Amino acid sequence: MTTELVATHTLVHGANGKAVDVYGPGDVSGAGAGGAPVVLLWHGTGPDERAMMAPVARAAAARGLVVFVPDWRSDAPDRGRAHLLDSLAHAHDHAAEHGGDAGRLVVAGWSAGAGAAAGLVTHPEPSGLPRPSAVVGIAGRYDVPARTTGRAPLDDLAEWAGSDGPGGPGAVAPVPVRLVHGTRDDTLDSVSSRRFAAALGRHGWPVGLEEVPTDHAGVVMTRFDPAAGRCVPDTAPHAVEGGRTTVRALLEASRGLVRPGILPLV
């Protein structure tokens, strides 16, 4: 049985002034000389909603990960691109200060953040920054332009990883991709993740997809509160299971693992 650590939380600010919550394990003695694996976790389109990712971030930190959760604004003129890429640079440059290893950086995103994360690896060097070692897409859509690149990840796969794409086969090096989606998601249907998983598999990328019986908010252990106008933590069984599935995906991505038995049929 895995022993959970106590998660600690620190508030910092990135170069653009955006707030960044950093969650880390209370004890990093077992992380190794290079530090603990690092996760950069992006929220969805709601402007500056880093707080809604706290349940998953805290749970992941309690399992030994260092998790950066930044604010970003989808309503910015560039649709949030600068905020997202600045947070990527911040997580990479400051990982060691929080006990993390920048060489094991997983980028994960929920909803619109999922496509933004995927775009970092399906597009050739969109940011000039080191590519993530793995990506986790949570309840995302991948056939619309990613906010980090301006191109749909599915289109990038067809162009840059296809046999007739510019640069030929292998124009972008595959990295492990883990996808999580709720089967009760009535905001973004899970067929989006299935199609992306199938496309990744066709191009030889290591990919795993796990569907869990929860909704769009439940995969990050939250529920939408109409009175508050935002998602809030939820302890309903379906949300707890959804959150656990996402945390497991983050842990396995940080180890470069794709669980057998959940690969799409291609």
C-alpha atoms as a PDB file:
ATOM      1  CA  MET A   1       0.000   0.000   0.000  1.00  0.00           C
ATOM      2  CA  THR A   2       1.256   3.503  -0.852  1.00  0.00           C
ATOM      3  CA  THR A   3       1.725   5.763   2.153  1.00  0.00           C
ATOM      4  CA  GLU A   4       0.349   9.218   1.479  1.00  0.00           C
ATOM      5  CA  LEU A   5       2.441  12.195   2.534  1.00  0.00           C
ATOM      6  CA  VAL A   6       1.207  15.468   3.957  1.00  0.00           C
ATOM      7  CA  ALA A   7       0.730  17.994   1.150  1.00  0.00           C
ATOM      8  CA  THR A   8       2.037  21.516   1.638  1.00  0.00           C
ATOM      9  CA  HIS A   9       0.871  24.626  -0.226  1.00  0.00           C
ATOM     10  CA  THR A  10       2.693  27.813  -1.181  1.00  0.00           C
ATOM     11  CA  LEU A  11       1.445  30.886  -3.080  1.00  0.00           C
ATOM     12  CA  VAL A  12       3.930  32.475  -5.475  1.00  0.00           C
ATOM     13  CA  HIS A  13       3.688  34.748  -8.499  1.00  0.00           C
ATOM     14  CA  GLY A  14       4.990  34.262 -12.019  1.00  0.00           C
ATOM     15  CA  ALA A  15       6.869  36.759 -14.164  1.00  0.00           C
ATOM     16  CA  ASN A  16       3.572  38.166 -15.476  1.00  0.00           C
ATOM     17  CA  GLY A  17       2.221  38.681 -11.953  1.00  0.00           C
ATOM     18  CA  LYS A  18      -0.217  35.783 -12.158  1.00  0.00           C
ATOM     19  CA  ALA A  19      -0.736  33.824  -8.962  1.00  0.00           C
ATOM     20  CA  VAL A  20       0.613  30.273  -8.865  1.00  0.00           C
ATOM     21  CA  ASP A  21      -0.293  27.743  -6.184  1.00  0.00           C
ATOM     22  CA  VAL A  22       2.454  25.204  -5.560  1.00  0.00           C
ATOM     23  CA  TYR A  23       1.535  21.963  -3.819  1.00  0.00           C
ATOM     24  CA  GLY A  24       4.325  19.682  -2.703  1.00  0.00           C
ATOM     25  CA  PRO A  25       4.816  16.581  -0.590  1.00  0.00           C
ATOM     26  CA  GLY A  26       5.562  17.302   3.023  1.00  0.00           C
ATOM     27  CA  ASP A  27       8.537  14.927   2.851  1.00  0.00           C
ATOM     28  CA  VAL A  28      10.701  14.779  -0.280  1.00  0.00           C
ATOM     29  CA  SER A  29      13.372  12.550   1.236  1.00  0.00           C
ATOM     30  CA  GLY A  30      12.402   9.704  -1.091  1.00  0.00           C
ATOM     31  CA  ALA A  31      12.316  11.781  -4.253  1.00  0.00           C
ATOM     32  CA  GLY A  32      15.906  10.990  -5.214  1.00  0.00           C
ATOM     33  CA  ALA A  33      18.813  13.277  -6.004  1.00  0.00           C
ATOM     34  CA  GLY A  34      16.956  15.025  -8.814  1.00  0.00           C
ATOM     35  CA  GLY A  35      13.844  15.801  -6.800  1.00  0.00           C
ATOM     36  CA  ALA A  36      10.200  14.795  -7.150  1.00  0.00           C
ATOM     37  CA  PRO A  37       8.308  14.657 -10.461  1.00  0.00           C
ATOM     38  CA  VAL A  38       6.628  17.953 -11.362  1.00  0.00           C
ATOM     39  CA  VAL A  39       3.134  18.566 -12.712  1.00  0.00           C
ATOM     40  CA  LEU A  40       1.957  21.844 -14.241  1.00  0.00           C
ATOM     41  CA  LEU A  41      -1.840  21.757 -13.982  1.00  0.00           C
ATOM     42  CA  TRP A  42      -3.975  24.178 -16.017  1.00  0.00           C
ATOM     43  CA  HIS A  43      -7.618  25.006 -15.274  1.00  0.00           C
ATOM     44  CA  GLY A  44     -10.275  25.596 -17.948  1.00  0.00           C
ATOM     45  CA  THR A  45     -11.741  28.697 -19.570  1.00  0.00           C
ATOM     46  CA  GLY A  46     -12.988  30.381 -16.399  1.00  0.00           C
ATOM     47  CA  PRO A  47     -10.575  33.297 -15.888  1.00  0.00           C
ATOM     48  CA  ASP A  48      -8.138  32.929 -12.977  1.00  0.00           C
ATOM     49  CA  GLU A  49      -9.742  29.798 -11.527  1.00  0.00           C
ATOM     50  CA  ARG A  50      -6.671  28.065 -10.123  1.00  0.00           C
ATOM     51  CA  ALA A  51      -8.518  27.466  -6.828  1.00  0.00           C
ATOM     52  CA  MET A  52     -10.880  24.949  -8.419  1.00  0.00           C
ATOM     53  CA  MET A  53      -7.950  22.630  -9.153  1.00  0.00           C
ATOM     54  CA  ALA A  54      -6.986  22.467  -5.480  1.00  0.00           C
ATOM     55  CA  PRO A  55      -8.631  19.099  -4.654  1.00  0.00           C
ATOM     56  CA  VAL A  56      -6.745  17.225  -7.376  1.00  0.00           C
ATOM     57  CA  ALA A  57      -3.517  19.178  -6.849  1.00  0.00           C
ATOM     58  CA  ARG A  58      -3.530  18.525  -3.118  1.00  0.00           C
ATOM     59  CA  ALA A  59      -4.243  14.820  -3.629  1.00  0.00           C
ATOM     60  CA  ALA A  60      -1.443  14.522  -6.192  1.00  0.00           C
ATOM     61  CA  ALA A  61       1.016  16.297  -3.892  1.00  0.00           C
ATOM     62  CA  ALA A  62       0.059  13.923  -1.091  1.00  0.00           C
ATOM     63  CA  ARG A  63       1.271  11.114  -3.361  1.00  0.00           C
ATOM     64  CA  GLY A  64       4.689  12.708  -3.826  1.00  0.00           C
ATOM     65  CA  LEU A  65       4.335  15.106  -6.787  1.00  0.00           C
ATOM     66  CA  VAL A  66       5.177  18.801  -6.914  1.00  0.00           C
ATOM     67  CA  VAL A  67       2.179  20.493  -8.556  1.00  0.00           C
ATOM     68  CA  PHE A  68       2.108  24.037  -9.978  1.00  0.00           C
ATOM     69  CA  VAL A  69      -1.396  25.460 -10.536  1.00  0.00           C
ATOM     70  CA  PRO A  70      -1.352  28.908 -12.174  1.00  0.00           C
ATOM     71  CA  ASP A  71      -4.064  31.417 -12.918  1.00  0.00           C
ATOM     72  CA  TRP A  72      -4.578  32.285 -16.580  1.00  0.00           C
ATOM     73  CA  ARG A  73      -7.187  34.263 -18.474  1.00  0.00           C
ATOM     74  CA  SER A  74      -8.958  32.830 -21.480  1.00  0.00           C
ATOM     75  CA  ASP A  75     -10.437  36.275 -22.197  1.00  0.00           C
ATOM     76  CA  ALA A  76      -7.032  37.863 -22.791  1.00  0.00           C
ATOM     77  CA  PRO A  77      -6.438  39.184 -26.340  1.00  0.00           C
ATOM     78  CA  ASP A  78      -4.199  36.183 -27.082  1.00  0.00           C
ATOM     79  CA  ARG A  79      -6.749  33.758 -25.543  1.00  0.00           C
ATOM     80  CA  GLY A  80      -4.394  33.080 -22.635  1.00  0.00           C
ATOM     81  CA  ARG A  81      -1.338  31.949 -24.600  1.00  0.00           C
ATOM     82  CA  ALA A  82       1.194  34.202 -22.835  1.00  0.00           C
ATOM     83  CA  HIS A  83      -0.129  33.307 -19.377  1.00  0.00           C
ATOM     84  CA  LEU A  84       0.034  29.588 -20.139  1.00  0.00           C
ATOM     85  CA  LEU A  85       3.520  29.646 -21.646  1.00  0.00           C
ATOM     86  CA  ASP A  86       4.828  31.899 -18.873  1.00  0.00           C
ATOM     87  CA  SER A  87       3.561  29.380 -16.335  1.00  0.00           C
ATOM     88  CA  LEU A  88       5.372  26.613 -18.210  1.00  0.00           C
ATOM     89  CA  ALA A  89       8.620  28.575 -17.993  1.00  0.00           C
ATOM     90  CA  HIS A  90       7.976  29.306 -14.317  1.00  0.00           C
ATOM     91  CA  ALA A  91       7.366  25.660 -13.411  1.00  0.00           C
ATOM     92  CA  HIS A  92      10.473  24.581 -15.289  1.00  0.00           C
ATOM     93  CA  ASP A  93      12.725  27.296 -13.846  1.00  0.00           C
ATOM     94  CA  HIS A  94      11.494  27.086 -10.242  1.00  0.00           C
ATOM     95  CA  ALA A  95      10.840  23.366  -9.838  1.00  0.00           C
ATOM     96  CA  ALA A  96      13.983  22.757  -7.788  1.00  0.00           C
ATOM     97  CA  GLU A  97      13.028  25.476  -5.284  1.00  0.00           C
ATOM     98  CA  HIS A  98      10.034  23.346  -4.312  1.00  0.00           C
ATOM     99  CA  GLY A  99      11.790  19.980  -4.321  1.00  0.00           C
ATOM    100  CA  GLY A 100      10.946  19.141  -7.923  1.00  0.00           C
ATOM    101  CA  ASP A 101      12.881  17.829 -10.904  1.00  0.00           C
ATOM    102  CA  ALA A 102      12.373  20.004 -13.997  1.00  0.00           C
ATOM    103  CA  GLY A 103      13.569  17.107 -16.121  1.00  0.00           C
ATOM    104  CA  ARG A 104      10.406  15.195 -15.183  1.00  0.00           C
ATOM    105  CA  LEU A 105       7.799  17.828 -16.003  1.00  0.00           C
ATOM    106  CA  VAL A 106       4.288  16.648 -16.869  1.00  0.00           C
ATOM    107  CA  VAL A 107       1.864  19.222 -18.268  1.00  0.00           C
ATOM    108  CA  ALA A 108      -1.782  18.498 -17.526  1.00  0.00           C
ATOM    109  CA  GLY A 109      -4.942  20.435 -18.231  1.00  0.00           C
ATOM    110  CA  TRP A 110      -8.653  20.233 -17.634  1.00  0.00           C
ATOM    111  CA  SER A 111     -11.263  21.238 -20.234  1.00  0.00           C
ATOM    112  CA  ALA A 112      -9.694  24.001 -22.374  1.00  0.00           C
ATOM    113  CA  GLY A 113      -6.469  23.416 -20.476  1.00  0.00           C
ATOM    114  CA  ALA A 114      -6.344  19.870 -21.852  1.00  0.00           C
ATOM    115  CA  GLY A 115      -6.073  20.975 -25.472  1.00  0.00           C
ATOM    116  CA  ALA A 116      -3.542  23.623 -24.467  1.00  0.00           C
ATOM    117  CA  ALA A 117      -1.391  20.934 -22.846  1.00  0.00           C
ATOM    118  CA  ALA A 118      -1.695  18.571 -25.804  1.00  0.00           C
ATOM    119  CA  GLY A 119      -0.655  21.298 -28.217  1.00  0.00           C
ATOM    120  CA  LEU A 120       2.728  21.557 -26.518  1.00  0.00           C
ATOM    121  CA  VAL A 121       3.700  18.099 -27.751  1.00  0.00           C
ATOM    122  CA  THR A 122       1.809  17.700 -31.024  1.00  0.00           C
ATOM    123  CA  HIS A 123       3.191  20.959 -32.440  1.00  0.00           C
ATOM    124  CA  PRO A 124       6.938  21.326 -33.131  1.00  0.00           C
ATOM    125  CA  GLU A 125       8.394  23.473 -30.342  1.00  0.00           C
ATOM    126  CA  PRO A 126       5.533  25.994 -30.033  1.00  0.00           C
ATOM    127  CA  SER A 127       7.127  27.779 -27.099  1.00  0.00           C
ATOM    128  CA  GLY A 128      10.866  27.376 -27.468  1.00  0.00           C
ATOM    129  CA  LEU A 129      10.798  25.765 -24.018  1.00  0.00           C
ATOM    130  CA  PRO A 130      11.693  22.158 -23.207  1.00  0.00           C
ATOM    131  CA  ARG A 131       8.878  19.803 -24.163  1.00  0.00           C
ATOM    132  CA  PRO A 132       7.010  18.076 -21.352  1.00  0.00           C
ATOM    133  CA  SER A 133       8.052  14.531 -20.538  1.00  0.00           C
ATOM    134  CA  ALA A 134       4.357  13.559 -20.680  1.00  0.00           C
ATOM    135  CA  VAL A 135       0.903  15.120 -21.033  1.00  0.00           C
ATOM    136  CA  VAL A 136      -2.365  14.425 -19.230  1.00  0.00           C
ATOM    137  CA  GLY A 137      -5.587  15.643 -20.865  1.00  0.00           C
ATOM    138  CA  ILE A 138      -8.590  15.780 -18.549  1.00  0.00           C
ATOM    139  CA  ALA A 139     -12.065  16.126 -20.085  1.00  0.00           C
ATOM    140  CA  GLY A 140     -10.657  17.942 -23.081  1.00  0.00           C
ATOM    141  CA  ARG A 141     -11.355  18.635 -26.725  1.00  0.00           C
ATOM    142  CA  TYR A 142      -8.608  18.273 -29.316  1.00  0.00           C
ATOM    143  CA  ASP A 143     -10.212  19.250 -32.627  1.00  0.00           C
ATOM    144  CA  VAL A 144     -10.235  22.994 -31.902  1.00  0.00           C
ATOM    145  CA  PRO A 145      -7.248  25.378 -31.756  1.00  0.00           C
ATOM    146  CA  ALA A 146      -5.142  24.938 -28.637  1.00  0.00           C
ATOM    147  CA  ARG A 147      -4.600  28.144 -26.714  1.00  0.00           C
ATOM    148  CA  THR A 148      -0.860  27.511 -26.624  1.00  0.00           C
ATOM    149  CA  THR A 149      -0.369  27.064 -30.372  1.00  0.00           C
ATOM    150  CA  GLY A 150      -3.435  28.307 -32.226  1.00  0.00           C
ATOM    151  CA  ARG A 151      -3.752  24.924 -33.942  1.00  0.00           C
ATOM    152  CA  ALA A 152      -5.856  21.871 -33.178  1.00  0.00           C
ATOM    153  CA  PRO A 153      -3.769  18.988 -31.775  1.00  0.00           C
ATOM    154  CA  LEU A 154      -5.552  16.574 -34.136  1.00  0.00           C
ATOM    155  CA  ASP A 155      -4.529  18.714 -37.102  1.00  0.00           C
ATOM    156  CA  ASP A 156      -0.942  18.818 -35.832  1.00  0.00           C
ATOM    157  CA  LEU A 157      -0.851  15.041 -35.636  1.00  0.00           C
ATOM    158  CA  ALA A 158      -2.041  14.732 -39.211  1.00  0.00           C
ATOM    159  CA  GLU A 159       0.468  17.293 -40.472  1.00  0.00           C
ATOM    160  CA  TRP A 160       3.574  16.758 -38.380  1.00  0.00           C
ATOM    161  CA  ALA A 161       3.394  13.082 -37.460  1.00  0.00           C
ATOM    162  CA  GLY A 162       1.784  11.790 -40.658  1.00  0.00           C
ATOM    163  CA  SER A 163       3.808   9.995 -43.309  1.00  0.00           C
ATOM    164  CA  ASP A 164       3.302  12.834 -45.782  1.00  0.00           C
ATOM    165  CA  GLY A 165       3.673  15.720 -43.331  1.00  0.00           C
ATOM    166  CA  PRO A 166       6.415  18.368 -43.521  1.00  0.00           C
ATOM    167  CA  GLY A 167       9.616  16.729 -42.366  1.00  0.00           C
ATOM    168  CA  GLY A 168       8.203  13.247 -42.814  1.00  0.00           C
ATOM    169  CA  PRO A 169       7.639  10.634 -40.129  1.00  0.00           C
ATOM    170  CA  GLY A 170       8.791  11.558 -36.650  1.00  0.00           C
ATOM    171  CA  ALA A 171       8.741  15.323 -37.215  1.00  0.00           C
ATOM    172  CA  VAL A 172       7.563  15.522 -33.614  1.00  0.00           C
ATOM    173  CA  ALA A 173       8.897  12.962 -31.168  1.00  0.00           C
ATOM    174  CA  PRO A 174       6.132  11.048 -29.380  1.00  0.00           C
ATOM    175  CA  VAL A 175       5.747  11.409 -25.633  1.00  0.00           C
ATOM    176  CA  PRO A 176       3.375   9.499 -23.341  1.00  0.00           C
ATOM    177  CA  VAL A 177      -0.152  10.928 -23.285  1.00  0.00           C
ATOM    178  CA  ARG A 178      -2.741   9.987 -20.680  1.00  0.00           C
ATOM    179  CA  LEU A 179      -6.383  10.958 -21.175  1.00  0.00           C
ATOM    180  CA  VAL A 180      -9.188  10.941 -18.605  1.00  0.00           C
ATOM    181  CA  HIS A 181     -12.838  11.674 -19.406  1.00  0.00           C
ATOM    182  CA  GLY A 182     -16.172  11.293 -17.653  1.00  0.00           C
ATOM    183  CA  THR A 183     -18.795   9.117 -19.304  1.00  0.00           C
ATOM    184  CA  ARG A 184     -21.494  11.447 -17.925  1.00  0.00           C
ATOM    185  CA  ASP A 185     -19.853  14.597 -19.286  1.00  0.00           C
ATOM    186  CA  ASP A 186     -22.578  16.675 -20.963  1.00  0.00           C
ATOM    187  CA  THR A 187     -20.232  19.633 -21.532  1.00  0.00           C
ATOM    188  CA  LEU A 188     -17.603  17.894 -23.662  1.00  0.00           C
ATOM    189  CA  ASP A 189     -18.540  14.409 -24.803  1.00  0.00           C
ATOM    190  CA  SER A 190     -15.957  11.712 -24.116  1.00  0.00           C
ATOM    191  CA  VAL A 191     -15.916  10.881 -27.835  1.00  0.00           C
ATOM    192  CA  SER A 192     -13.422  13.755 -28.146  1.00  0.00           C
ATOM    193  CA  SER A 193     -10.879  11.936 -25.989  1.00  0.00           C
ATOM    194  CA  ARG A 194     -11.561   8.658 -27.775  1.00  0.00           C
ATOM    195  CA  ARG A 195     -10.843  10.216 -31.169  1.00  0.00           C
ATOM    196  CA  PHE A 196      -7.649  11.844 -29.936  1.00  0.00           C
ATOM    197  CA  ALA A 197      -6.465   8.607 -28.310  1.00  0.00           C
ATOM    198  CA  ALA A 198      -7.147   6.707 -31.524  1.00  0.00           C
ATOM    199  CA  ALA A 199      -5.230   9.268 -33.595  1.00  0.00           C
ATOM    200  CA  LEU A 200      -2.267   9.178 -31.230  1.00  0.00           C
ATOM    201  CA  GLY A 201      -2.246   5.394 -31.359  1.00  0.00           C
ATOM    202  CA  ARG A 202      -2.302   5.364 -35.162  1.00  0.00           C
ATOM    203  CA  HIS A 203       0.804   7.523 -35.187  1.00  0.00           C
ATOM    204  CA  GLY A 204       2.626   5.299 -32.715  1.00  0.00           C
ATOM    205  CA  TRP A 205       2.382   7.481 -29.634  1.00  0.00           C
ATOM    206  CA  PRO A 206       2.183   5.798 -26.213  1.00  0.00           C
ATOM    207  CA  VAL A 207      -1.351   6.645 -25.134  1.00  0.00           C
ATOM    208  CA  GLY A 208      -3.839   5.536 -22.521  1.00  0.00           C
ATOM    209  CA  LEU A 209      -7.462   6.548 -22.107  1.00  0.00           C
ATOM    210  CA  GLU A 210      -9.507   5.970 -18.990  1.00  0.00           C
ATOM    211  CA  GLU A 211     -13.205   6.786 -18.802  1.00  0.00           C
ATOM    212  CA  VAL A 212     -14.850   7.091 -15.422  1.00  0.00           C
ATOM    213  CA  PRO A 213     -18.571   7.388 -14.549  1.00  0.00           C
ATOM    214  CA  THR A 214     -18.650  11.056 -13.597  1.00  0.00           C
ATOM    215  CA  ASP A 215     -19.316  14.416 -15.243  1.00  0.00           C
ATOM    216  CA  HIS A 216     -17.204  17.308 -16.539  1.00  0.00           C
ATOM    217  CA  ALA A 217     -16.441  18.718 -13.088  1.00  0.00           C
ATOM    218  CA  GLY A 218     -16.283  15.379 -11.314  1.00  0.00           C
ATOM    219  CA  VAL A 219     -13.027  14.328 -13.015  1.00  0.00           C
ATOM    220  CA  VAL A 220     -11.280  17.032 -10.958  1.00  0.00           C
ATOM    221  CA  MET A 221     -13.206  16.243  -7.767  1.00  0.00           C
ATOM    222  CA  THR A 222     -15.547  19.232  -8.035  1.00  0.00           C
ATOM    223  CA  ARG A 223     -19.127  20.167  -8.928  1.00  0.00           C
ATOM    224  CA  PHE A 224     -20.552  23.283 -10.518  1.00  0.00           C
ATOM    225  CA  ASP A 225     -22.263  25.535  -7.971  1.00  0.00           C
ATOM    226  CA  PRO A 226     -24.805  27.812  -9.756  1.00  0.00           C
ATOM    227  CA  ALA A 227     -24.970  30.173  -6.786  1.00  0.00           C
ATOM    228  CA  ALA A 228     -21.211  30.661  -6.762  1.00  0.00           C
ATOM    229  CA  GLY A 229     -20.967  30.584 -10.545  1.00  0.00           C
ATOM    230  CA  ARG A 230     -17.972  28.268 -10.387  1.00  0.00           C
ATOM    231  CA  CYS A 231     -16.863  24.765  -9.501  1.00  0.00           C
ATOM    232  CA  VAL A 232     -16.389  23.890  -5.852  1.00  0.00           C
ATOM    233  CA  PRO A 233     -14.937  20.795  -4.133  1.00  0.00           C
ATOM    234  CA  ASP A 234     -17.231  17.775  -4.108  1.00  0.00           C
ATOM    235  CA  THR A 235     -17.181  14.644  -1.966  1.00  0.00           C
ATOM    236  CA  ALA A 236     -19.882  12.757  -3.888  1.00  0.00           C
ATOM    237  CA  PRO A 237     -18.703   9.199  -4.645  1.00  0.00           C
ATOM    238  CA  HIS A 238     -18.597   9.762  -8.418  1.00  0.00           C
ATOM    239  CA  ALA A 239     -16.435  12.890  -7.990  1.00  0.00           C
ATOM    240  CA  VAL A 240     -14.101  11.203  -5.529  1.00  0.00           C
ATOM    241  CA  GLU A 241     -13.630   8.340  -7.982  1.00  0.00           C
ATOM    242  CA  GLY A 242     -13.171  10.781 -10.857  1.00  0.00           C
ATOM    243  CA  GLY A 243     -10.521  12.684  -8.926  1.00  0.00           C
ATOM    244  CA  ARG A 244      -8.727   9.498  -7.950  1.00  0.00           C
ATOM    245  CA  THR A 245      -8.630   8.430 -11.585  1.00  0.00           C
ATOM    246  CA  THR A 246      -7.099  11.764 -12.577  1.00  0.00           C
ATOM    247  CA  VAL A 247      -4.523  11.646  -9.793  1.00  0.00           C
ATOM    248  CA  ARG A 248      -3.582   8.123 -10.858  1.00  0.00           C
ATOM    249  CA  ALA A 249      -3.106   9.370 -14.422  1.00  0.00           C
ATOM    250  CA  LEU A 250      -0.832  12.158 -13.168  1.00  0.00           C
ATOM    251  CA  LEU A 251       1.231   9.706 -11.139  1.00  0.00           C
ATOM    252  CA  GLU A 252       1.584   7.248 -13.993  1.00  0.00           C
ATOM    253  CA  ALA A 253       2.427   9.992 -16.483  1.00  0.00           C
ATOM    254  CA  SER A 254       5.166  11.227 -14.142  1.00  0.00           C
ATOM    255  CA  ARG A 255       6.662   7.728 -14.294  1.00  0.00           C
ATOM    256  CA  GLY A 256       6.328   7.465 -18.064  1.00  0.00           C
ATOM    257  CA  LEU A 257       3.733   4.720 -17.750  1.00  0.00           C
ATOM    258  CA  VAL A 258       0.762   3.925 -19.946  1.00  0.00           C
ATOM    259  CA  ARG A 259      -1.459   1.358 -18.257  1.00  0.00           C
ATOM    260  CA  PRO A 260      -2.036  -1.744 -20.370  1.00  0.00           C
ATOM    261  CA  GLY A 261      -5.628  -2.611 -21.043  1.00  0.00           C
ATOM    262  CA  ILE A 262      -6.881   0.933 -21.658  1.00  0.00           C
ATOM    263  CA  LEU A 263      -5.370   1.557 -25.072  1.00  0.00           C
ATOM    264  CA  PRO A 264      -7.892   2.504 -27.756  1.00  0.00           C
ATOM    265  CA  LEU A 265      -8.680   0.004 -30.492  1.00  0.00           C
ATOM    266  CA  VAL A 266      -7.157   1.372 -33.686  1.00  0.00           C
END
